[in-house]
Amino acid sequence: MAMVMRGEVVLPADRPTVWAKLNDPVALKNCVGLIESMQRSGDDSYDFVVRVKLGPLGVAFRGKIVLSHVDPLVGYRINAEGEGGIAGHAGGFADVALSDRGEGTLLVYAVQVDLGGRLAAMGARAMDGVAQKAADRFFAGFARECLK
């Protein structure tokens, strides 16, 4: 099952600050709240463990993030794959683009996630709600991180 989500947010910081925070595992961990661990495993790659609650299921996803099409201060593609054991697996990508907007930075994103296993069986409507809630939480936390 594939899910697609698009959006944009104006962040209260200049582009160099936003770019630095987007590439800082500690900042990302702080703003998501679901990341148990995230460690650099290469120049443009990270290993992660994320804990999420999906209905009655508490699931730990272990996976890898690889950055591609990196254009400093402008954007990149985040490629991710994760395995959640009995819950299933997820993989996909997010395209992120930055531009100046007034006193801040406009971040535009497009995400495509493919789900398998029990996650896919939960259905698109349930997962769309979870995904939108996660995106809202991320950007609220990320805006706070950009102000630090």
C-alpha atoms as a PDB file:
ATOM      1  CA  MET A   1       0.000   0.000   0.000  1.00  0.00           C
ATOM      2  CA  ALA A   2       1.436   3.388  -0.983  1.00  0.00           C
ATOM      3  CA  MET A   3       0.748   6.672   0.786  1.00  0.00           C
ATOM      4  CA  VAL A   4       1.567  10.109  -0.588  1.00  0.00           C
ATOM      5  CA  MET A   5       1.712  13.289   1.443  1.00  0.00           C
ATOM      6  CA  ARG A   6       2.711  16.815   0.421  1.00  0.00           C
ATOM      7  CA  GLY A   7       3.007  20.004   2.358  1.00  0.00           C
ATOM      8  CA  GLU A   8       4.948  23.091   3.225  1.00  0.00           C
ATOM      9  CA  VAL A   9       5.833  25.017   6.333  1.00  0.00           C
ATOM     10  CA  VAL A  10       7.493  28.367   6.959  1.00  0.00           C
ATOM     11  CA  LEU A  11      10.169  27.981   9.621  1.00  0.00           C
ATOM     12  CA  PRO A  12      11.318  30.866  11.845  1.00  0.00           C
ATOM     13  CA  ALA A  13      15.007  30.636  10.929  1.00  0.00           C
ATOM     14  CA  ASP A  14      17.312  31.397   8.013  1.00  0.00           C
ATOM     15  CA  ARG A  15      18.157  28.727   5.448  1.00  0.00           C
ATOM     16  CA  PRO A  16      21.654  27.886   6.803  1.00  0.00           C
ATOM     17  CA  THR A  17      20.157  27.248  10.261  1.00  0.00           C
ATOM     18  CA  VAL A  18      17.344  25.087   8.852  1.00  0.00           C
ATOM     19  CA  TRP A  19      19.815  23.131   6.697  1.00  0.00           C
ATOM     20  CA  ALA A  20      22.101  22.524   9.686  1.00  0.00           C
ATOM     21  CA  LYS A  21      19.174  21.294  11.823  1.00  0.00           C
ATOM     22  CA  LEU A  22      17.914  19.019   9.008  1.00  0.00           C
ATOM     23  CA  ASN A  23      21.328  17.353   9.005  1.00  0.00           C
ATOM     24  CA  ASP A  24      21.759  17.072  12.776  1.00  0.00           C
ATOM     25  CA  PRO A  25      20.633  13.676  14.164  1.00  0.00           C
ATOM     26  CA  VAL A  26      20.287  15.111  17.688  1.00  0.00           C
ATOM     27  CA  ALA A  27      18.029  17.943  16.478  1.00  0.00           C
ATOM     28  CA  LEU A  28      15.907  15.506  14.470  1.00  0.00           C
ATOM     29  CA  LYS A  29      15.616  13.147  17.419  1.00  0.00           C
ATOM     30  CA  ASN A  30      14.527  16.046  19.653  1.00  0.00           C
ATOM     31  CA  CYS A  31      11.771  17.210  17.330  1.00  0.00           C
ATOM     32  CA  VAL A  32      10.204  13.871  16.465  1.00  0.00           C
ATOM     33  CA  GLY A  33       9.970  12.350  19.921  1.00  0.00           C
ATOM     34  CA  LEU A  34       9.570   8.855  18.457  1.00  0.00           C
ATOM     35  CA  ILE A  35      13.206   8.258  17.563  1.00  0.00           C
ATOM     36  CA  GLU A  36      14.882   5.998  20.089  1.00  0.00           C
ATOM     37  CA  SER A  37      18.264   6.193  18.392  1.00  0.00           C
ATOM     38  CA  MET A  38      19.766   7.665  15.243  1.00  0.00           C
ATOM     39  CA  GLN A  39      23.423   7.289  14.403  1.00  0.00           C
ATOM     40  CA  ARG A  40      25.473   8.304  11.399  1.00  0.00           C
ATOM     41  CA  SER A  41      26.591   5.187   9.540  1.00  0.00           C
ATOM     42  CA  GLY A  42      28.249   6.889   6.551  1.00  0.00           C
ATOM     43  CA  ASP A  43      28.696  10.280   4.907  1.00  0.00           C
ATOM     44  CA  ASP A  44      25.017  10.529   3.943  1.00  0.00           C
ATOM     45  CA  SER A  45      23.454   7.638   5.846  1.00  0.00           C
ATOM     46  CA  TYR A  46      22.001   6.915   9.282  1.00  0.00           C
ATOM     47  CA  ASP A  47      20.775   3.856  11.165  1.00  0.00           C
ATOM     48  CA  PHE A  48      17.691   4.413  13.298  1.00  0.00           C
ATOM     49  CA  VAL A  49      15.255   2.856  15.743  1.00  0.00           C
ATOM     50  CA  VAL A  50      11.784   4.417  15.965  1.00  0.00           C
ATOM     51  CA  ARG A  51       9.047   3.422  18.421  1.00  0.00           C
ATOM     52  CA  VAL A  52       5.445   4.069  17.381  1.00  0.00           C
ATOM     53  CA  LYS A  53       2.019   3.165  18.681  1.00  0.00           C
ATOM     54  CA  LEU A  54      -0.376   2.017  15.966  1.00  0.00           C
ATOM     55  CA  GLY A  55      -3.719   1.309  17.571  1.00  0.00           C
ATOM     56  CA  PRO A  56      -3.115  -1.505  20.030  1.00  0.00           C
ATOM     57  CA  LEU A  57       0.358  -2.227  18.620  1.00  0.00           C
ATOM     58  CA  GLY A  58       3.558  -0.774  20.058  1.00  0.00           C
ATOM     59  CA  VAL A  59       6.156  -1.253  17.331  1.00  0.00           C
ATOM     60  CA  ALA A  60       9.913  -0.690  17.114  1.00  0.00           C
ATOM     61  CA  PHE A  61      11.136  -0.055  13.575  1.00  0.00           C
ATOM     62  CA  ARG A  62      14.803  -0.531  12.786  1.00  0.00           C
ATOM     63  CA  GLY A  63      16.096   0.824   9.546  1.00  0.00           C
ATOM     64  CA  LYS A  64      18.354   2.973   7.457  1.00  0.00           C
ATOM     65  CA  ILE A  65      18.125   6.462   5.987  1.00  0.00           C
ATOM     66  CA  VAL A  66      20.245   7.435   2.980  1.00  0.00           C
ATOM     67  CA  LEU A  67      20.381  10.990   1.636  1.00  0.00           C
ATOM     68  CA  SER A  68      20.650  11.497  -2.118  1.00  0.00           C
ATOM     69  CA  HIS A  69      20.439  14.369  -4.606  1.00  0.00           C
ATOM     70  CA  VAL A  70      22.038  16.537  -1.912  1.00  0.00           C
ATOM     71  CA  ASP A  71      22.212  20.223  -2.877  1.00  0.00           C
ATOM     72  CA  PRO A  72      23.440  22.092   0.234  1.00  0.00           C
ATOM     73  CA  LEU A  73      21.053  24.800   1.475  1.00  0.00           C
ATOM     74  CA  VAL A  74      18.557  23.865  -1.285  1.00  0.00           C
ATOM     75  CA  GLY A  75      17.351  20.326  -0.588  1.00  0.00           C
ATOM     76  CA  TYR A  76      17.716  16.571  -0.888  1.00  0.00           C
ATOM     77  CA  ARG A  77      15.925  13.257  -1.079  1.00  0.00           C
ATOM     78  CA  ILE A  78      15.625  11.155   2.063  1.00  0.00           C
ATOM     79  CA  ASN A  79      15.400   7.441   1.256  1.00  0.00           C
ATOM     80  CA  ALA A  80      14.306   5.256   4.172  1.00  0.00           C
ATOM     81  CA  GLU A  81      13.561   1.612   4.863  1.00  0.00           C
ATOM     82  CA  GLY A  82      12.434   0.127   8.154  1.00  0.00           C
ATOM     83  CA  GLU A  83      11.470  -3.284   9.488  1.00  0.00           C
ATOM     84  CA  GLY A  84       8.906  -3.596  12.264  1.00  0.00           C
ATOM     85  CA  GLY A  85       8.903  -7.359  12.779  1.00  0.00           C
ATOM     86  CA  ILE A  86       5.391  -8.738  13.122  1.00  0.00           C
ATOM     87  CA  ALA A  87       3.878  -5.314  12.279  1.00  0.00           C
ATOM     88  CA  GLY A  88       5.412  -5.262   8.813  1.00  0.00           C
ATOM     89  CA  HIS A  89       7.776  -3.001   6.979  1.00  0.00           C
ATOM     90  CA  ALA A  90       7.874   0.478   5.488  1.00  0.00           C
ATOM     91  CA  GLY A  91      10.020   2.169   2.908  1.00  0.00           C
ATOM     92  CA  GLY A  92       9.923   5.247   0.774  1.00  0.00           C
ATOM     93  CA  PHE A  93      11.343   8.660   0.201  1.00  0.00           C
ATOM     94  CA  ALA A  94      10.822  12.323   0.979  1.00  0.00           C
ATOM     95  CA  ASP A  95      11.890  15.164  -1.276  1.00  0.00           C
ATOM     96  CA  VAL A  96      12.730  18.287   0.733  1.00  0.00           C
ATOM     97  CA  ALA A  97      13.260  21.736  -0.800  1.00  0.00           C
ATOM     98  CA  LEU A  98      14.247  24.964   0.967  1.00  0.00           C
ATOM     99  CA  SER A  99      13.838  28.571  -0.149  1.00  0.00           C
ATOM    100  CA  ASP A 100      13.882  31.982   1.501  1.00  0.00           C
ATOM    101  CA  ARG A 101      10.538  33.291   2.729  1.00  0.00           C
ATOM    102  CA  GLY A 102      10.538  36.697   4.399  1.00  0.00           C
ATOM    103  CA  GLU A 103      12.509  36.440   7.641  1.00  0.00           C
ATOM    104  CA  GLY A 104      12.347  32.624   7.567  1.00  0.00           C
ATOM    105  CA  THR A 105      12.672  29.582   5.353  1.00  0.00           C
ATOM    106  CA  LEU A 106      10.007  27.806   3.335  1.00  0.00           C
ATOM    107  CA  LEU A 107      10.360  24.019   3.534  1.00  0.00           C
ATOM    108  CA  VAL A 108       8.368  22.114   0.891  1.00  0.00           C
ATOM    109  CA  TYR A 109       8.112  18.333   1.137  1.00  0.00           C
ATOM    110  CA  ALA A 110       6.670  15.450  -0.839  1.00  0.00           C
ATOM    111  CA  VAL A 111       6.622  12.016   0.772  1.00  0.00           C
ATOM    112  CA  GLN A 112       5.836   8.587  -0.636  1.00  0.00           C
ATOM    113  CA  VAL A 113       5.721   5.634   1.753  1.00  0.00           C
ATOM    114  CA  ASP A 114       5.088   2.004   0.851  1.00  0.00           C
ATOM    115  CA  LEU A 115       3.775  -0.217   3.637  1.00  0.00           C
ATOM    116  CA  GLY A 116       3.740  -4.001   3.857  1.00  0.00           C
ATOM    117  CA  GLY A 117       2.495  -6.619   6.289  1.00  0.00           C
ATOM    118  CA  ARG A 118       0.048  -5.712   9.039  1.00  0.00           C
ATOM    119  CA  LEU A 119       0.680  -2.017   8.474  1.00  0.00           C
ATOM    120  CA  ALA A 120      -0.751  -2.271   4.979  1.00  0.00           C
ATOM    121  CA  ALA A 121      -3.664  -4.348   6.258  1.00  0.00           C
ATOM    122  CA  MET A 122      -4.669  -1.523   8.629  1.00  0.00           C
ATOM    123  CA  GLY A 123      -5.788   0.426   5.593  1.00  0.00           C
ATOM    124  CA  ALA A 124      -4.980   3.733   4.008  1.00  0.00           C
ATOM    125  CA  ARG A 125      -7.415   5.807   6.068  1.00  0.00           C
ATOM    126  CA  ALA A 126      -5.990   4.716   9.409  1.00  0.00           C
ATOM    127  CA  MET A 127      -2.414   5.139   8.217  1.00  0.00           C
ATOM    128  CA  ASP A 128      -3.093   8.539   6.597  1.00  0.00           C
ATOM    129  CA  GLY A 129      -4.250   9.851   9.990  1.00  0.00           C
ATOM    130  CA  VAL A 130      -1.156   8.467  11.709  1.00  0.00           C
ATOM    131  CA  ALA A 131       1.112   9.923   9.016  1.00  0.00           C
ATOM    132  CA  GLN A 132      -0.485  13.381   9.159  1.00  0.00           C
ATOM    133  CA  LYS A 133      -0.272  13.445  12.954  1.00  0.00           C
ATOM    134  CA  ALA A 134       3.417  12.451  12.750  1.00  0.00           C
ATOM    135  CA  ALA A 135       4.118  15.194  10.168  1.00  0.00           C
ATOM    136  CA  ASP A 136       2.365  17.818  12.304  1.00  0.00           C
ATOM    137  CA  ARG A 137       4.333  16.720  15.383  1.00  0.00           C
ATOM    138  CA  PHE A 138       7.601  16.746  13.443  1.00  0.00           C
ATOM    139  CA  PHE A 139       7.197  20.265  12.038  1.00  0.00           C
ATOM    140  CA  ALA A 140       6.020  21.751  15.345  1.00  0.00           C
ATOM    141  CA  GLY A 141       9.085  20.228  17.038  1.00  0.00           C
ATOM    142  CA  PHE A 142      11.356  21.204  14.168  1.00  0.00           C
ATOM    143  CA  ALA A 143      10.216  24.837  14.364  1.00  0.00           C
ATOM    144  CA  ARG A 144      11.123  24.831  18.075  1.00  0.00           C
ATOM    145  CA  GLU A 145      14.553  23.287  17.271  1.00  0.00           C
ATOM    146  CA  CYS A 146      15.228  25.996  14.671  1.00  0.00           C
ATOM    147  CA  LEU A 147      14.775  28.654  17.357  1.00  0.00           C
ATOM    148  CA  LYS A 148      17.421  27.147  19.669  1.00  0.00           C
END
